[in-house]
Amino acid sequence: MVHHLCVRACVQVKLMRQLQEEAQKSRQSEQRNRKAIAQLQKQQRAKESKIQSLEAEKNKKEVILKRKMEEVRCVRKTRRLSDEVTLTTLTTSFPSVNTNFDL
């Protein structure tokens, strides 16, 4: 009977250790998973930040391009008006000059 109690106690101790080891492994696995999730979330935030930064840069460049295109249009319009004034001046000053240019 004493032997039976001793065997039972040894089995119980063995089972308790096994449960503790499994609980420890479970905690470690959960900790690794949390750490991996935190790392992925950090990477995701960094990517989102980069996307926002690139979008802001793109928008800024589009505004600059739009402004420069408007400047080019104004310069072309001014040049065209200047050319028309020059041509008008030439035709009024020299009526015999042929203004029908074949280009």
N, C-alpha and C. Protein backbone atom coordinates (compact mmCIF):
# COMPACT_ATOMS: atom_id res chain seq x y z
N MET A 1 0.82 -1.18 0.00
CA MET A 1 0.00 0.00 0.00
C MET A 1 0.87 1.25 0.00
N VAL A 2 1.94 1.25 0.77
CA VAL A 2 2.86 2.37 0.81
C VAL A 2 3.50 2.55 -0.56
N HIS A 3 3.85 1.46 -1.17
CA HIS A 3 4.44 1.50 -2.50
C HIS A 3 3.44 2.10 -3.50
N HIS A 4 2.21 1.70 -3.37
CA HIS A 4 1.16 2.22 -4.25
C HIS A 4 1.01 3.73 -4.08
N LEU A 5 1.07 4.22 -2.85
CA LEU A 5 0.98 5.65 -2.57
C LEU A 5 2.20 6.39 -3.11
N CYS A 6 3.34 5.77 -2.99
CA CYS A 6 4.58 6.38 -3.48
C CYS A 6 4.54 6.51 -5.00
N VAL A 7 4.07 5.48 -5.70
CA VAL A 7 3.98 5.50 -7.16
C VAL A 7 2.97 6.56 -7.59
N ARG A 8 1.85 6.61 -6.86
CA ARG A 8 0.82 7.58 -7.17
C ARG A 8 1.35 9.01 -6.98
N ALA A 9 2.10 9.26 -5.94
CA ALA A 9 2.68 10.57 -5.67
C ALA A 9 3.69 10.93 -6.76
N CYS A 10 4.49 9.97 -7.20
CA CYS A 10 5.48 10.22 -8.26
C CYS A 10 4.78 10.56 -9.57
N VAL A 11 3.70 9.85 -9.88
CA VAL A 11 2.94 10.12 -11.10
C VAL A 11 2.31 11.51 -11.02
N GLN A 12 1.80 11.84 -9.84
CA GLN A 12 1.17 13.14 -9.64
C GLN A 12 2.21 14.26 -9.81
N VAL A 13 3.38 14.08 -9.24
CA VAL A 13 4.45 15.07 -9.37
C VAL A 13 4.86 15.21 -10.83
N LYS A 14 4.98 14.07 -11.50
CA LYS A 14 5.36 14.07 -12.91
C LYS A 14 4.31 14.82 -13.75
N LEU A 15 3.04 14.57 -13.48
CA LEU A 15 1.96 15.24 -14.20
C LEU A 15 1.95 16.75 -13.92
N MET A 16 2.20 17.13 -12.68
CA MET A 16 2.25 18.55 -12.31
C MET A 16 3.40 19.26 -13.04
N ARG A 17 4.55 18.60 -13.09
CA ARG A 17 5.70 19.19 -13.82
C ARG A 17 5.37 19.33 -15.30
N GLN A 18 4.73 18.29 -15.84
CA GLN A 18 4.36 18.32 -17.25
C GLN A 18 3.37 19.46 -17.53
N LEU A 19 2.41 19.64 -16.65
CA LEU A 19 1.46 20.73 -16.79
C LEU A 19 2.15 22.09 -16.71
N GLN A 20 3.09 22.21 -15.77
CA GLN A 20 3.83 23.46 -15.63
C GLN A 20 4.67 23.74 -16.88
N GLU A 21 5.31 22.72 -17.42
CA GLU A 21 6.11 22.89 -18.63
C GLU A 21 5.23 23.30 -19.81
N GLU A 22 4.09 22.66 -19.93
CA GLU A 22 3.18 23.00 -21.03
C GLU A 22 2.65 24.43 -20.86
N ALA A 23 2.35 24.81 -19.65
CA ALA A 23 1.89 26.18 -19.39
C ALA A 23 2.99 27.18 -19.73
N GLN A 24 4.23 26.84 -19.36
CA GLN A 24 5.37 27.71 -19.66
C GLN A 24 5.57 27.83 -21.18
N LYS A 25 5.48 26.71 -21.90
CA LYS A 25 5.62 26.72 -23.35
C LYS A 25 4.50 27.54 -23.98
N SER A 26 3.31 27.39 -23.44
CA SER A 26 2.17 28.14 -23.95
C SER A 26 2.37 29.64 -23.75
N ARG A 27 2.85 30.04 -22.57
CA ARG A 27 3.12 31.46 -22.30
C ARG A 27 4.21 31.99 -23.23
N GLN A 28 5.27 31.19 -23.44
CA GLN A 28 6.34 31.62 -24.33
C GLN A 28 5.85 31.76 -25.77
N SER A 29 5.03 30.81 -26.20
CA SER A 29 4.48 30.87 -27.55
C SER A 29 3.58 32.10 -27.70
N GLU A 30 2.76 32.36 -26.72
CA GLU A 30 1.89 33.52 -26.75
C GLU A 30 2.70 34.81 -26.76
N GLN A 31 3.77 34.83 -25.99
CA GLN A 31 4.64 36.02 -25.95
C GLN A 31 5.30 36.24 -27.31
N ARG A 32 5.77 35.15 -27.94
CA ARG A 32 6.36 35.27 -29.28
C ARG A 32 5.33 35.79 -30.29
N ASN A 33 4.12 35.26 -30.18
CA ASN A 33 3.06 35.71 -31.10
C ASN A 33 2.75 37.19 -30.90
N ARG A 34 2.65 37.63 -29.65
CA ARG A 34 2.39 39.04 -29.37
C ARG A 34 3.52 39.92 -29.91
N LYS A 35 4.75 39.44 -29.74
CA LYS A 35 5.90 40.19 -30.22
C LYS A 35 5.87 40.28 -31.75
N ALA A 36 5.54 39.18 -32.41
CA ALA A 36 5.47 39.17 -33.87
C ALA A 36 4.35 40.11 -34.35
N ILE A 37 3.22 40.08 -33.67
CA ILE A 37 2.11 40.97 -34.03
C ILE A 37 2.52 42.43 -33.85
N ALA A 38 3.18 42.73 -32.74
CA ALA A 38 3.64 44.10 -32.49
C ALA A 38 4.61 44.55 -33.58
N GLN A 39 5.49 43.66 -34.00
CA GLN A 39 6.46 43.97 -35.05
C GLN A 39 5.74 44.25 -36.38
N LEU A 40 4.76 43.41 -36.70
CA LEU A 40 3.99 43.60 -37.93
C LEU A 40 3.19 44.90 -37.90
N GLN A 41 2.63 45.21 -36.74
CA GLN A 41 1.90 46.47 -36.60
C GLN A 41 2.83 47.67 -36.77
N LYS A 42 4.02 47.55 -36.23
CA LYS A 42 5.01 48.63 -36.37
C LYS A 42 5.38 48.81 -37.85
N GLN A 43 5.60 47.70 -38.54
CA GLN A 43 5.92 47.77 -39.96
C GLN A 43 4.77 48.38 -40.75
N GLN A 44 3.55 47.99 -40.40
CA GLN A 44 2.37 48.53 -41.07
C GLN A 44 2.26 50.04 -40.87
N ARG A 45 2.49 50.49 -39.64
CA ARG A 45 2.45 51.94 -39.37
C ARG A 45 3.53 52.67 -40.17
N ALA A 46 4.71 52.06 -40.27
CA ALA A 46 5.80 52.69 -41.02
C ALA A 46 5.43 52.78 -42.51
N LYS A 47 4.82 51.71 -43.03
CA LYS A 47 4.41 51.72 -44.44
C LYS A 47 3.33 52.77 -44.68
N GLU A 48 2.37 52.86 -43.79
CA GLU A 48 1.30 53.85 -43.92
C GLU A 48 1.87 55.26 -43.86
N SER A 49 2.82 55.47 -42.98
CA SER A 49 3.47 56.77 -42.86
C SER A 49 4.20 57.11 -44.16
N LYS A 50 4.90 56.13 -44.72
CA LYS A 50 5.63 56.33 -45.97
C LYS A 50 4.66 56.66 -47.10
N ILE A 51 3.52 55.96 -47.14
CA ILE A 51 2.51 56.22 -48.17
C ILE A 51 1.99 57.64 -48.05
N GLN A 52 1.68 58.06 -46.83
CA GLN A 52 1.18 59.42 -46.62
C GLN A 52 2.22 60.45 -47.04
N SER A 53 3.47 60.17 -46.71
CA SER A 53 4.55 61.08 -47.08
C SER A 53 4.68 61.18 -48.60
N LEU A 54 4.63 60.03 -49.28
CA LEU A 54 4.74 60.03 -50.74
C LEU A 54 3.53 60.72 -51.40
N GLU A 55 2.35 60.50 -50.83
CA GLU A 55 1.16 61.16 -51.37
C GLU A 55 1.26 62.68 -51.20
N ALA A 56 1.73 63.11 -50.05
CA ALA A 56 1.90 64.55 -49.82
C ALA A 56 2.92 65.14 -50.80
N GLU A 57 4.01 64.42 -51.02
CA GLU A 57 5.04 64.87 -51.96
C GLU A 57 4.48 64.94 -53.38
N LYS A 58 3.70 63.92 -53.75
CA LYS A 58 3.07 63.89 -55.08
C LYS A 58 2.13 65.08 -55.25
N ASN A 59 1.30 65.32 -54.24
CA ASN A 59 0.37 66.45 -54.32
C ASN A 59 1.11 67.77 -54.44
N LYS A 60 2.19 67.90 -53.70
CA LYS A 60 3.00 69.12 -53.76
C LYS A 60 3.58 69.31 -55.16
N LYS A 61 4.09 68.22 -55.74
CA LYS A 61 4.66 68.30 -57.08
C LYS A 61 3.59 68.62 -58.12
N GLU A 62 2.39 68.07 -57.93
CA GLU A 62 1.30 68.37 -58.86
C GLU A 62 0.93 69.85 -58.80
N VAL A 63 0.91 70.42 -57.61
CA VAL A 63 0.60 71.84 -57.46
C VAL A 63 1.67 72.68 -58.15
N ILE A 64 2.92 72.31 -57.94
CA ILE A 64 4.03 73.04 -58.56
C ILE A 64 3.94 72.93 -60.08
N LEU A 65 3.67 71.73 -60.58
CA LEU A 65 3.56 71.51 -62.02
C LEU A 65 2.40 72.33 -62.60
N LYS A 66 1.29 72.34 -61.91
CA LYS A 66 0.14 73.11 -62.36
C LYS A 66 0.47 74.59 -62.44
N ARG A 67 1.17 75.09 -61.41
CA ARG A 67 1.56 76.50 -61.40
C ARG A 67 2.51 76.81 -62.56
N LYS A 68 3.48 75.92 -62.79
CA LYS A 68 4.44 76.16 -63.87
C LYS A 68 3.76 76.09 -65.23
N MET A 69 2.81 75.17 -65.38
CA MET A 69 2.08 75.08 -66.64
C MET A 69 1.28 76.36 -66.88
N GLU A 70 0.71 76.91 -65.83
CA GLU A 70 -0.02 78.17 -65.94
C GLU A 70 0.94 79.29 -66.33
N GLU A 71 2.13 79.30 -65.76
CA GLU A 71 3.13 80.30 -66.12
C GLU A 71 3.50 80.18 -67.59
N VAL A 72 3.67 78.95 -68.08
CA VAL A 72 4.00 78.72 -69.48
C VAL A 72 2.87 79.24 -70.38
N ARG A 73 1.63 78.95 -69.99
CA ARG A 73 0.49 79.45 -70.77
C ARG A 73 0.49 80.98 -70.83
N CYS A 74 0.77 81.60 -69.70
CA CYS A 74 0.81 83.07 -69.67
C CYS A 74 1.93 83.61 -70.56
N VAL A 75 3.10 82.99 -70.50
CA VAL A 75 4.23 83.42 -71.33
C VAL A 75 3.88 83.25 -72.80
N ARG A 76 3.28 82.11 -73.16
CA ARG A 76 2.90 81.89 -74.56
C ARG A 76 1.85 82.90 -75.02
N LYS A 77 0.90 83.17 -74.15
CA LYS A 77 -0.15 84.14 -74.50
C LYS A 77 0.46 85.52 -74.69
N THR A 78 1.35 85.89 -73.76
CA THR A 78 2.03 87.19 -73.86
C THR A 78 2.86 87.27 -75.14
N ARG A 79 3.57 86.18 -75.45
CA ARG A 79 4.39 86.15 -76.66
C ARG A 79 3.50 86.26 -77.91
N ARG A 80 2.41 85.53 -77.90
CA ARG A 80 1.49 85.56 -79.03
C ARG A 80 0.93 86.98 -79.23
N LEU A 81 0.53 87.61 -78.11
CA LEU A 81 0.02 88.98 -78.21
C LEU A 81 1.10 89.93 -78.70
N SER A 82 2.31 89.72 -78.21
CA SER A 82 3.44 90.56 -78.63
C SER A 82 3.71 90.37 -80.12
N ASP A 83 3.65 89.11 -80.57
CA ASP A 83 3.86 88.83 -82.00
C ASP A 83 2.76 89.47 -82.84
N GLU A 84 1.54 89.43 -82.36
CA GLU A 84 0.43 90.05 -83.09
C GLU A 84 0.61 91.56 -83.18
N VAL A 85 1.04 92.17 -82.08
CA VAL A 85 1.29 93.61 -82.07
C VAL A 85 2.41 93.94 -83.04
N THR A 86 3.46 93.17 -83.03
CA THR A 86 4.60 93.39 -83.93
C THR A 86 4.14 93.24 -85.38
N LEU A 87 3.38 92.21 -85.64
CA LEU A 87 2.89 91.97 -87.00
C LEU A 87 1.96 93.10 -87.43
N THR A 88 1.11 93.53 -86.53
CA THR A 88 0.21 94.64 -86.84
C THR A 88 1.01 95.91 -87.12
N THR A 89 2.02 96.13 -86.32
CA THR A 89 2.88 97.31 -86.51
C THR A 89 3.59 97.23 -87.84
N LEU A 90 4.09 96.07 -88.21
CA LEU A 90 4.77 95.89 -89.48
C LEU A 90 3.83 96.13 -90.65
N THR A 91 2.64 95.58 -90.55
CA THR A 91 1.70 95.72 -91.68
C THR A 91 1.21 97.15 -91.83
N THR A 92 1.09 97.87 -90.70
CA THR A 92 0.67 99.27 -90.81
C THR A 92 1.82 100.16 -91.25
N SER A 93 3.03 99.81 -90.85
CA SER A 93 4.21 100.62 -91.23
C SER A 93 4.63 100.33 -92.65
N PHE A 94 4.56 99.05 -93.04
CA PHE A 94 4.98 98.64 -94.37
C PHE A 94 3.84 97.86 -95.03
N PRO A 95 2.89 98.54 -95.60
CA PRO A 95 1.74 97.84 -96.15
C PRO A 95 2.09 96.93 -97.33
N SER A 96 3.21 97.11 -97.93
CA SER A 96 3.56 96.27 -99.07
C SER A 96 4.18 94.95 -98.65
N VAL A 97 4.45 94.77 -97.33
CA VAL A 97 5.06 93.54 -96.88
C VAL A 97 4.00 92.44 -96.86
N ASN A 98 4.36 91.31 -97.42
CA ASN A 98 3.44 90.17 -97.49
C ASN A 98 3.41 89.48 -96.12
N THR A 99 2.24 89.43 -95.49
CA THR A 99 2.14 88.79 -94.15
C THR A 99 1.65 87.36 -94.24
N ASN A 100 1.43 86.89 -95.42
CA ASN A 100 1.00 85.48 -95.58
C ASN A 100 2.24 84.61 -95.70
N PHE A 101 2.68 84.15 -94.55
CA PHE A 101 3.89 83.32 -94.51
C PHE A 101 3.48 81.88 -94.68
N ASP A 102 4.15 81.20 -95.56
CA ASP A 102 3.92 79.76 -95.72
C ASP A 102 4.99 79.03 -94.93
N LEU A 103 4.55 78.39 -93.88
CA LEU A 103 5.52 77.69 -93.04
C LEU A 103 5.45 76.22 -93.29
